[in-house]
Amino acid sequence: MRGRAWKFVGPTVRLATAAQAQDLELELELEPELEPELEPELDLALKLALVLEMELVLEMVLKLKLVLELKLALELALALELDLVLEMVLELEMVLKLFVE
């Protein structure tokens, strides 16, 4: 993704990432813990990335948090046998994999 397309998508991703970071910073204390072993480290990494304005670290932390949220949504959809939600989560995972690569 760092090729020619990144020239056009990059600024949008950075703006979206900054907005997501602000939203996440506000929600950190409100959202339930997704992974008890990882959540404190992710929160600390997110706050550190915000303070130091480290965009790459910030993007990586936000992607990891998204993966954990998708994993939780997938487990819930499987448990409740919600086919539509399951399809949506799987589609989001495929889109995320494209951006991560």
Protein backbone atom coordinates (compact mmCIF):
# COMPACT_ATOMS: atom_id res chain seq x y z
CA MET A 1 0.00 0.00 0.00
CA ARG A 2 2.99 2.32 0.27
CA GLY A 3 3.18 2.63 -3.53
CA ARG A 4 1.48 5.18 -5.75
CA ALA A 5 -1.91 4.69 -4.12
CA TRP A 6 -0.49 5.70 -0.72
CA LYS A 7 0.22 9.19 -2.09
CA PHE A 8 -3.54 9.71 -2.36
CA VAL A 9 -4.77 7.54 0.50
CA GLY A 10 -2.05 8.43 3.03
CA PRO A 11 -3.33 11.88 4.04
CA THR A 12 -6.86 10.53 4.47
CA VAL A 13 -5.60 7.61 6.55
CA ARG A 14 -3.57 9.97 8.73
CA LEU A 15 -6.58 12.23 9.30
CA ALA A 16 -8.83 9.26 10.03
CA THR A 17 -6.19 7.79 12.32
CA ALA A 18 -5.91 11.03 14.28
CA ALA A 19 -9.69 11.20 14.64
CA GLN A 20 -9.84 7.56 15.72
CA ALA A 21 -7.08 8.17 18.24
CA GLN A 22 -9.01 11.03 19.79
CA ASP A 23 -12.15 8.88 19.91
CA LEU A 24 -10.22 5.97 21.40
CA GLU A 25 -8.56 8.20 23.96
CA LEU A 26 -12.00 9.30 25.15
CA GLU A 27 -13.34 5.73 25.13
CA LEU A 28 -10.37 4.03 26.82
CA GLU A 29 -11.97 4.20 30.23
CA LEU A 30 -15.48 3.43 28.96
CA GLU A 31 -14.93 0.34 26.82
CA PRO A 32 -14.68 -3.12 28.39
CA GLU A 33 -11.33 -4.84 28.29
CA LEU A 34 -11.01 -6.96 25.16
CA GLU A 35 -7.93 -8.92 26.11
CA PRO A 36 -6.94 -8.53 29.77
CA GLU A 37 -3.27 -9.33 29.08
CA LEU A 38 -2.95 -6.92 26.15
CA GLU A 39 -5.32 -4.05 26.84
CA PRO A 40 -3.15 -2.13 29.39
CA GLU A 41 -0.14 -2.35 27.09
CA LEU A 42 -2.20 -1.19 24.11
CA ASP A 43 -3.60 1.73 26.08
CA LEU A 44 -0.13 2.73 27.21
CA ALA A 45 1.23 2.42 23.67
CA LEU A 46 -1.69 4.48 22.36
CA LYS A 47 -1.14 7.27 24.89
CA LEU A 48 2.62 7.25 24.27
CA ALA A 49 2.10 7.42 20.51
CA LEU A 50 -0.32 10.33 20.97
CA VAL A 51 2.08 12.24 23.21
CA LEU A 52 5.10 11.65 20.97
CA GLU A 53 3.05 12.11 17.78
CA MET A 54 4.40 8.82 16.42
CA GLU A 55 2.04 8.21 13.51
CA LEU A 56 3.33 4.77 12.56
CA VAL A 57 3.08 3.44 16.13
CA LEU A 58 -0.34 5.04 16.46
CA GLU A 59 -1.56 3.35 13.27
CA MET A 60 -0.21 -0.02 14.41
CA VAL A 61 -1.86 0.25 17.85
CA LEU A 62 -5.18 1.27 16.33
CA LYS A 63 -5.03 -1.63 13.87
CA LEU A 64 -4.28 -4.05 16.70
CA LYS A 65 -7.19 -2.70 18.73
CA LEU A 66 -9.42 -3.08 15.66
CA VAL A 67 -8.28 -6.68 15.20
CA LEU A 68 -9.12 -7.43 18.84
CA GLU A 69 -12.54 -5.79 18.47
CA LEU A 70 -13.21 -7.76 15.28
CA LYS A 71 -12.15 -10.96 17.05
CA LEU A 72 -14.59 -10.23 19.87
CA ALA A 73 -17.37 -9.42 17.38
CA LEU A 74 -16.63 -12.62 15.46
CA GLU A 75 -16.80 -14.74 18.62
CA LEU A 76 -20.08 -13.09 19.61
CA ALA A 77 -21.59 -13.57 16.15
CA LEU A 78 -20.56 -17.23 16.17
CA ALA A 79 -21.98 -17.78 19.64
CA LEU A 80 -25.30 -16.14 18.79
CA GLU A 81 -25.42 -17.62 15.28
CA LEU A 82 -25.91 -14.18 13.73
CA ASP A 83 -25.16 -14.90 10.08
CA LEU A 84 -25.42 -11.29 8.87
CA VAL A 85 -23.11 -9.97 11.60
CA LEU A 86 -20.73 -12.86 10.95
CA GLU A 87 -20.56 -11.98 7.24
CA MET A 88 -19.95 -8.30 8.03
CA VAL A 89 -17.16 -9.09 10.49
CA LEU A 90 -15.47 -11.46 8.04
CA GLU A 91 -15.66 -8.79 5.31
CA LEU A 92 -14.11 -6.23 7.67
CA GLU A 93 -11.32 -8.67 8.48
CA MET A 94 -10.59 -9.14 4.76
CA VAL A 95 -10.49 -5.36 4.22
CA LEU A 96 -8.21 -4.95 7.23
CA LYS A 97 -5.84 -7.61 5.88
CA LEU A 98 -5.55 -5.64 2.63
CA PHE A 99 -4.54 -2.50 4.52
CA VAL A 100 -2.13 -4.32 6.83
CA GLU A 101 -0.29 -5.88 3.91
